[in-house]
Amino acid sequence: MPRRSMLSAAERNSLLKIPTTQNNLIRRYAFNELDLSIIRQHRGPENRLGFAVHLSFMLACSACWQSLRARFMAGAMPDG
């Protein structure tokens, strides 16, 4: 049985594509004050960069999942 894809090819590309413009890099990977506070409070100096990288990917994936959830709630899931 073929696997059902939850993301369209365009959505998958959008999620995995590395931004190439400065504006897109900033939009995707810049932290707000709350994010910076979490990084500072919960991780030691030796782990902050790694935690920040994980947080940036988690936030990017979260935006994708929110979009996918909205499509699901609207009944617009792709057939697969």
PDB file of N, CA and C in Angstrom:
ATOM      1  N   MET A   1       0.844  -1.165   0.000  1.00  0.00           N
ATOM      2  CA  MET A   1       0.000   0.000   0.000  1.00  0.00           C
ATOM      3  C   MET A   1       0.900   1.242   0.000  1.00  0.00           C
ATOM      4  N   PRO A   2       0.680   2.173  -0.921  1.00  0.00           N
ATOM      5  CA  PRO A   2       1.528   3.369  -0.966  1.00  0.00           C
ATOM      6  C   PRO A   2       1.303   4.260   0.245  1.00  0.00           C
ATOM      7  N   ARG A   3       2.356   4.936   0.620  1.00  0.00           N
ATOM      8  CA  ARG A   3       2.261   5.857   1.750  1.00  0.00           C
ATOM      9  C   ARG A   3       1.472   7.088   1.349  1.00  0.00           C
ATOM     10  N   ARG A   4       0.669   7.572   2.262  1.00  0.00           N
ATOM     11  CA  ARG A   4      -0.087   8.792   2.035  1.00  0.00           C
ATOM     12  C   ARG A   4       0.767   9.974   2.460  1.00  0.00           C
ATOM     13  N   SER A   5       0.888  10.934   1.605  1.00  0.00           N
ATOM     14  CA  SER A   5       1.673  12.121   1.921  1.00  0.00           C
ATOM     15  C   SER A   5       0.773  13.180   2.540  1.00  0.00           C
ATOM     16  N   MET A   6       1.159  13.660   3.709  1.00  0.00           N
ATOM     17  CA  MET A   6       0.377  14.695   4.376  1.00  0.00           C
ATOM     18  C   MET A   6       0.680  16.074   3.801  1.00  0.00           C
ATOM     19  N   LEU A   7       1.831  16.216   3.185  1.00  0.00           N
ATOM     20  CA  LEU A   7       2.238  17.500   2.627  1.00  0.00           C
ATOM     21  C   LEU A   7       2.305  17.402   1.110  1.00  0.00           C
ATOM     22  N   SER A   8       1.912  18.467   0.453  1.00  0.00           N
ATOM     23  CA  SER A   8       2.087  18.521  -0.996  1.00  0.00           C
ATOM     24  C   SER A   8       3.575  18.717  -1.279  1.00  0.00           C
ATOM     25  N   ALA A   9       3.958  18.544  -2.523  1.00  0.00           N
ATOM     26  CA  ALA A   9       5.358  18.735  -2.896  1.00  0.00           C
ATOM     27  C   ALA A   9       5.803  20.166  -2.596  1.00  0.00           C
ATOM     28  N   ALA A  10       4.938  21.141  -2.851  1.00  0.00           N
ATOM     29  CA  ALA A  10       5.276  22.541  -2.589  1.00  0.00           C
ATOM     30  C   ALA A  10       5.448  22.789  -1.091  1.00  0.00           C
ATOM     31  N   GLU A  11       4.582  22.194  -0.253  1.00  0.00           N
ATOM     32  CA  GLU A  11       4.698  22.363   1.195  1.00  0.00           C
ATOM     33  C   GLU A  11       5.960  21.703   1.726  1.00  0.00           C
ATOM     34  N   ARG A  12       6.272  20.520   1.217  1.00  0.00           N
ATOM     35  CA  ARG A  12       7.481  19.818   1.648  1.00  0.00           C
ATOM     36  C   ARG A  12       8.726  20.624   1.268  1.00  0.00           C
ATOM     37  N   ASN A  13       8.721  21.168   0.051  1.00  0.00           N
ATOM     38  CA  ASN A  13       9.842  21.981  -0.405  1.00  0.00           C
ATOM     39  C   ASN A  13       9.973  23.239   0.440  1.00  0.00           C
ATOM     40  N   SER A  14       8.852  23.864   0.770  1.00  0.00           N
ATOM     41  CA  SER A  14       8.866  25.066   1.593  1.00  0.00           C
ATOM     42  C   SER A  14       9.429  24.776   2.979  1.00  0.00           C
ATOM     43  N   LEU A  15       9.096  23.635   3.537  1.00  0.00           N
ATOM     44  CA  LEU A  15       9.562  23.262   4.867  1.00  0.00           C
ATOM     45  C   LEU A  15      11.055  22.950   4.881  1.00  0.00           C
ATOM     46  N   LEU A  16      11.539  22.231   3.875  1.00  0.00           N
ATOM     47  CA  LEU A  16      12.915  21.739   3.887  1.00  0.00           C
ATOM     48  C   LEU A  16      13.913  22.647   3.181  1.00  0.00           C
ATOM     49  N   LYS A  17      13.423  23.561   2.361  1.00  0.00           N
ATOM     50  CA  LYS A  17      14.307  24.435   1.599  1.00  0.00           C
ATOM     51  C   LYS A  17      15.007  25.428   2.525  1.00  0.00           C
ATOM     52  N   ILE A  18      16.285  25.578   2.353  1.00  0.00           N
ATOM     53  CA  ILE A  18      17.051  26.539   3.132  1.00  0.00           C
ATOM     54  C   ILE A  18      16.831  27.919   2.519  1.00  0.00           C
ATOM     55  N   PRO A  19      16.431  28.897   3.326  1.00  0.00           N
ATOM     56  CA  PRO A  19      16.192  30.243   2.793  1.00  0.00           C
ATOM     57  C   PRO A  19      17.451  30.811   2.153  1.00  0.00           C
ATOM     58  N   THR A  20      17.274  31.562   1.065  1.00  0.00           N
ATOM     59  CA  THR A  20      18.426  32.093   0.342  1.00  0.00           C
ATOM     60  C   THR A  20      18.521  33.612   0.412  1.00  0.00           C
ATOM     61  N   THR A  21      17.464  34.280   0.832  1.00  0.00           N
ATOM     62  CA  THR A  21      17.516  35.736   0.940  1.00  0.00           C
ATOM     63  C   THR A  21      17.660  36.131   2.403  1.00  0.00           C
ATOM     64  N   GLN A  22      18.222  37.289   2.630  1.00  0.00           N
ATOM     65  CA  GLN A  22      18.426  37.747   4.001  1.00  0.00           C
ATOM     66  C   GLN A  22      17.095  37.894   4.734  1.00  0.00           C
ATOM     67  N   ASN A  23      16.085  38.429   4.075  1.00  0.00           N
ATOM     68  CA  ASN A  23      14.782  38.598   4.724  1.00  0.00           C
ATOM     69  C   ASN A  23      14.179  37.264   5.132  1.00  0.00           C
ATOM     70  N   ASN A  24      14.271  36.260   4.278  1.00  0.00           N
ATOM     71  CA  ASN A  24      13.729  34.938   4.614  1.00  0.00           C
ATOM     72  C   ASN A  24      14.519  34.268   5.736  1.00  0.00           C
ATOM     73  N   LEU A  25      15.829  34.462   5.739  1.00  0.00           N
ATOM     74  CA  LEU A  25      16.644  33.921   6.841  1.00  0.00           C
ATOM     75  C   LEU A  25      16.246  34.551   8.164  1.00  0.00           C
ATOM     76  N   ILE A  26      16.081  35.852   8.167  1.00  0.00           N
ATOM     77  CA  ILE A  26      15.701  36.546   9.400  1.00  0.00           C
ATOM     78  C   ILE A  26      14.312  36.115   9.849  1.00  0.00           C
ATOM     79  N   ARG A  27      13.374  36.049   8.904  1.00  0.00           N
ATOM     80  CA  ARG A  27      12.001  35.683   9.252  1.00  0.00           C
ATOM     81  C   ARG A  27      11.936  34.288   9.853  1.00  0.00           C
ATOM     82  N   ARG A  28      12.703  33.367   9.309  1.00  0.00           N
ATOM     83  CA  ARG A  28      12.630  31.992   9.780  1.00  0.00           C
ATOM     84  C   ARG A  28      13.455  31.737  11.037  1.00  0.00           C
ATOM     85  N   TYR A  29      14.613  32.370  11.158  1.00  0.00           N
ATOM     86  CA  TYR A  29      15.536  31.972  12.216  1.00  0.00           C
ATOM     87  C   TYR A  29      15.826  33.041  13.265  1.00  0.00           C
ATOM     88  N   ALA A  30      15.191  34.194  13.212  1.00  0.00           N
ATOM     89  CA  ALA A  30      15.400  35.210  14.245  1.00  0.00           C
ATOM     90  C   ALA A  30      14.504  34.899  15.443  1.00  0.00           C
ATOM     91  N   PHE A  31      15.013  35.142  16.626  1.00  0.00           N
ATOM     92  CA  PHE A  31      14.264  34.864  17.848  1.00  0.00           C
ATOM     93  C   PHE A  31      13.669  36.142  18.405  1.00  0.00           C
ATOM     94  N   ASN A  32      12.485  36.015  18.991  1.00  0.00           N
ATOM     95  CA  ASN A  32      11.913  37.156  19.699  1.00  0.00           C
ATOM     96  C   ASN A  32      12.425  37.128  21.138  1.00  0.00           C
ATOM     97  N   GLU A  33      12.014  38.094  21.922  1.00  0.00           N
ATOM     98  CA  GLU A  33      12.516  38.191  23.302  1.00  0.00           C
ATOM     99  C   GLU A  33      12.147  36.975  24.150  1.00  0.00           C
ATOM    100  N   LEU A  34      10.956  36.428  23.951  1.00  0.00           N
ATOM    101  CA  LEU A  34      10.560  35.234  24.707  1.00  0.00           C
ATOM    102  C   LEU A  34      11.467  34.053  24.379  1.00  0.00           C
ATOM    103  N   ASP A  35      11.754  33.861  23.094  1.00  0.00           N
ATOM    104  CA  ASP A  35      12.652  32.776  22.688  1.00  0.00           C
ATOM    105  C   ASP A  35      14.026  32.945  23.329  1.00  0.00           C
ATOM    106  N   LEU A  36      14.555  34.163  23.269  1.00  0.00           N
ATOM    107  CA  LEU A  36      15.872  34.423  23.853  1.00  0.00           C
ATOM    108  C   LEU A  36      15.865  34.192  25.362  1.00  0.00           C
ATOM    109  N   SER A  37      14.781  34.553  26.000  1.00  0.00           N
ATOM    110  CA  SER A  37      14.665  34.333  27.443  1.00  0.00           C
ATOM    111  C   SER A  37      14.698  32.843  27.772  1.00  0.00           C
ATOM    112  N   ILE A  38      13.978  32.052  26.993  1.00  0.00           N
ATOM    113  CA  ILE A  38      13.970  30.599  27.204  1.00  0.00           C
ATOM    114  C   ILE A  38      15.364  30.018  27.008  1.00  0.00           C
ATOM    115  N   ILE A  39      16.031  30.456  25.958  1.00  0.00           N
ATOM    116  CA  ILE A  39      17.390  29.961  25.684  1.00  0.00           C
ATOM    117  C   ILE A  39      18.319  30.302  26.847  1.00  0.00           C
ATOM    118  N   ARG A  40      18.235  31.527  27.336  1.00  0.00           N
ATOM    119  CA  ARG A  40      19.117  31.963  28.431  1.00  0.00           C
ATOM    120  C   ARG A  40      18.806  31.253  29.751  1.00  0.00           C
ATOM    121  N   GLN A  41      17.544  31.024  30.049  1.00  0.00           N
ATOM    122  CA  GLN A  41      17.148  30.477  31.339  1.00  0.00           C
ATOM    123  C   GLN A  41      17.367  28.973  31.467  1.00  0.00           C
ATOM    124  N   HIS A  42      17.181  28.260  30.402  1.00  0.00           N
ATOM    125  CA  HIS A  42      17.106  26.805  30.516  1.00  0.00           C
ATOM    126  C   HIS A  42      18.315  26.049  29.991  1.00  0.00           C
ATOM    127  N   ARG A  43      19.278  26.762  29.489  1.00  0.00           N
ATOM    128  CA  ARG A  43      20.457  26.069  28.971  1.00  0.00           C
ATOM    129  C   ARG A  43      21.717  26.777  29.418  1.00  0.00           C
ATOM    130  N   GLY A  44      22.767  25.986  29.656  1.00  0.00           N
ATOM    131  CA  GLY A  44      24.049  26.568  30.025  1.00  0.00           C
ATOM    132  C   GLY A  44      24.759  27.124  28.805  1.00  0.00           C
ATOM    133  N   PRO A  45      25.811  27.904  29.021  1.00  0.00           N
ATOM    134  CA  PRO A  45      26.531  28.538  27.911  1.00  0.00           C
ATOM    135  C   PRO A  45      27.008  27.546  26.847  1.00  0.00           C
ATOM    136  N   GLU A  46      27.419  26.369  27.276  1.00  0.00           N
ATOM    137  CA  GLU A  46      27.947  25.394  26.318  1.00  0.00           C
ATOM    138  C   GLU A  46      26.863  24.763  25.451  1.00  0.00           C
ATOM    139  N   ASN A  47      25.601  24.892  25.828  1.00  0.00           N
ATOM    140  CA  ASN A  47      24.507  24.261  25.079  1.00  0.00           C
ATOM    141  C   ASN A  47      23.593  25.247  24.359  1.00  0.00           C
ATOM    142  N   ARG A  48      23.790  26.522  24.530  1.00  0.00           N
ATOM    143  CA  ARG A  48      22.846  27.511  23.993  1.00  0.00           C
ATOM    144  C   ARG A  48      22.740  27.482  22.478  1.00  0.00           C
ATOM    145  N   LEU A  49      23.845  27.366  21.786  1.00  0.00           N
ATOM    146  CA  LEU A  49      23.786  27.363  20.321  1.00  0.00           C
ATOM    147  C   LEU A  49      22.999  26.168  19.814  1.00  0.00           C
ATOM    148  N   GLY A  50      23.287  24.992  20.339  1.00  0.00           N
ATOM    149  CA  GLY A  50      22.563  23.797  19.907  1.00  0.00           C
ATOM    150  C   GLY A  50      21.080  23.876  20.216  1.00  0.00           C
ATOM    151  N   PHE A  51      20.748  24.381  21.408  1.00  0.00           N
ATOM    152  CA  PHE A  51      19.351  24.542  21.772  1.00  0.00           C
ATOM    153  C   PHE A  51      18.670  25.544  20.850  1.00  0.00           C
ATOM    154  N   ALA A  52      19.363  26.633  20.521  1.00  0.00           N
ATOM    155  CA  ALA A  52      18.809  27.650  19.634  1.00  0.00           C
ATOM    156  C   ALA A  52      18.543  27.074  18.238  1.00  0.00           C
ATOM    157  N   VAL A  53      19.461  26.251  17.735  1.00  0.00           N
ATOM    158  CA  VAL A  53      19.255  25.621  16.423  1.00  0.00           C
ATOM    159  C   VAL A  53      18.027  24.712  16.460  1.00  0.00           C
ATOM    160  N   HIS A  54      17.914  23.890  17.490  1.00  0.00           N
ATOM    161  CA  HIS A  54      16.741  23.021  17.615  1.00  0.00           C
ATOM    162  C   HIS A  54      15.455  23.830  17.733  1.00  0.00           C
ATOM    163  N   LEU A  55      15.495  24.896  18.495  1.00  0.00           N
ATOM    164  CA  LEU A  55      14.318  25.742  18.657  1.00  0.00           C
ATOM    165  C   LEU A  55      13.906  26.365  17.329  1.00  0.00           C
ATOM    166  N   SER A  56      14.864  26.817  16.541  1.00  0.00           N
ATOM    167  CA  SER A  56      14.523  27.430  15.254  1.00  0.00           C
ATOM    168  C   SER A  56      13.857  26.423  14.329  1.00  0.00           C
ATOM    169  N   PHE A  57      14.351  25.197  14.287  1.00  0.00           N
ATOM    170  CA  PHE A  57      13.715  24.177  13.447  1.00  0.00           C
ATOM    171  C   PHE A  57      12.347  23.798  13.986  1.00  0.00           C
ATOM    172  N   MET A  58      12.212  23.730  15.300  1.00  0.00           N
ATOM    173  CA  MET A  58      10.921  23.406  15.886  1.00  0.00           C
ATOM    174  C   MET A  58       9.893  24.489  15.553  1.00  0.00           C
ATOM    175  N   LEU A  59      10.294  25.750  15.618  1.00  0.00           N
ATOM    176  CA  LEU A  59       9.382  26.842  15.294  1.00  0.00           C
ATOM    177  C   LEU A  59       9.003  26.815  13.820  1.00  0.00           C
ATOM    178  N   ALA A  60       9.953  26.499  12.936  1.00  0.00           N
ATOM    179  CA  ALA A  60       9.649  26.412  11.505  1.00  0.00           C
ATOM    180  C   ALA A  60       8.671  25.268  11.242  1.00  0.00           C
ATOM    181  N   CYS A  61       8.887  24.133  11.889  1.00  0.00           N
ATOM    182  CA  CYS A  61       7.976  22.996  11.719  1.00  0.00           C
ATOM    183  C   CYS A  61       6.607  23.302  12.302  1.00  0.00           C
ATOM    184  N   SER A  62       6.582  24.026  13.402  1.00  0.00           N
ATOM    185  CA  SER A  62       5.316  24.398  14.021  1.00  0.00           C
ATOM    186  C   SER A  62       4.473  25.223  13.059  1.00  0.00           C
ATOM    187  N   ALA A  63       5.100  26.144  12.353  1.00  0.00           N
ATOM    188  CA  ALA A  63       4.361  26.956  11.382  1.00  0.00           C
ATOM    189  C   ALA A  63       3.779  26.069  10.288  1.00  0.00           C
ATOM    190  N   CYS A  64       4.538  25.069   9.862  1.00  0.00           N
ATOM    191  CA  CYS A  64       4.061  24.138   8.839  1.00  0.00           C
ATOM    192  C   CYS A  64       2.880  23.335   9.364  1.00  0.00           C
ATOM    193  N   TRP A  65       2.995  22.825  10.596  1.00  0.00           N
ATOM    194  CA  TRP A  65       1.912  22.020  11.160  1.00  0.00           C
ATOM    195  C   TRP A  65       0.652  22.839  11.391  1.00  0.00           C
ATOM    196  N   GLN A  66       0.803  24.105  11.761  1.00  0.00           N
ATOM    197  CA  GLN A  66      -0.370  24.955  11.943  1.00  0.00           C
ATOM    198  C   GLN A  66      -1.097  25.142  10.622  1.00  0.00           C
ATOM    199  N   SER A  67      -0.328  25.309   9.545  1.00  0.00           N
ATOM    200  CA  SER A  67      -0.924  25.434   8.215  1.00  0.00           C
ATOM    201  C   SER A  67      -1.623  24.135   7.828  1.00  0.00           C
ATOM    202  N   LEU A  68      -0.984  23.009   8.100  1.00  0.00           N
ATOM    203  CA  LEU A  68      -1.568  21.710   7.778  1.00  0.00           C
ATOM    204  C   LEU A  68      -2.845  21.478   8.586  1.00  0.00           C
ATOM    205  N   ARG A  69      -2.834  21.849   9.856  1.00  0.00           N
ATOM    206  CA  ARG A  69      -4.021  21.696  10.705  1.00  0.00           C
ATOM    207  C   ARG A  69      -5.174  22.544  10.176  1.00  0.00           C
ATOM    208  N   ALA A  70      -4.879  23.767   9.755  1.00  0.00           N
ATOM    209  CA  ALA A  70      -5.922  24.640   9.218  1.00  0.00           C
ATOM    210  C   ALA A  70      -6.535  24.025   7.960  1.00  0.00           C
ATOM    211  N   ARG A  71      -5.700  23.436   7.117  1.00  0.00           N
ATOM    212  CA  ARG A  71      -6.217  22.778   5.906  1.00  0.00           C
ATOM    213  C   ARG A  71      -7.068  21.573   6.273  1.00  0.00           C
ATOM    214  N   PHE A  72      -6.641  20.814   7.278  1.00  0.00           N
ATOM    215  CA  PHE A  72      -7.398  19.644   7.709  1.00  0.00           C
ATOM    216  C   PHE A  72      -8.767  20.059   8.234  1.00  0.00           C
ATOM    217  N   MET A  73      -8.779  21.103   9.069  1.00  0.00           N
ATOM    218  CA  MET A  73     -10.042  21.570   9.639  1.00  0.00           C
ATOM    219  C   MET A  73     -10.974  22.095   8.564  1.00  0.00           C
ATOM    220  N   ALA A  74     -10.408  22.600   7.472  1.00  0.00           N
ATOM    221  CA  ALA A  74     -11.224  23.128   6.369  1.00  0.00           C
ATOM    222  C   ALA A  74     -11.630  22.014   5.397  1.00  0.00           C
ATOM    223  N   GLY A  75     -11.156  20.782   5.645  1.00  0.00           N
ATOM    224  CA  GLY A  75     -11.474  19.663   4.767  1.00  0.00           C
ATOM    225  C   GLY A  75     -10.712  19.656   3.458  1.00  0.00           C
ATOM    226  N   ALA A  76      -9.527  20.256   3.456  1.00  0.00           N
ATOM    227  CA  ALA A  76      -8.766  20.377   2.226  1.00  0.00           C
ATOM    228  C   ALA A  76      -7.507  19.510   2.217  1.00  0.00           C
ATOM    229  N   MET A  77      -7.531  18.374   2.883  1.00  0.00           N
ATOM    230  CA  MET A  77      -6.367  17.494   2.906  1.00  0.00           C
ATOM    231  C   MET A  77      -6.160  16.872   1.541  1.00  0.00           C
ATOM    232  N   PRO A  78      -4.907  16.727   1.095  1.00  0.00           N
ATOM    233  CA  PRO A  78      -4.650  16.109  -0.207  1.00  0.00           C
ATOM    234  C   PRO A  78      -4.992  14.620  -0.167  1.00  0.00           C
ATOM    235  N   ASP A  79      -5.479  14.127  -1.267  1.00  0.00           N
ATOM    236  CA  ASP A  79      -5.732  12.685  -1.376  1.00  0.00           C
ATOM    237  C   ASP A  79      -4.418  12.005  -1.699  1.00  0.00           C
ATOM    238  N   GLY A  80      -4.246  10.843  -1.162  1.00  0.00           N
ATOM    239  CA  GLY A  80      -2.943  10.268  -1.381  1.00  0.00           C
ATOM    240  C   GLY A  80      -2.959   8.859  -1.666  1.00  0.00           C
TER     241      GLY A  80
END
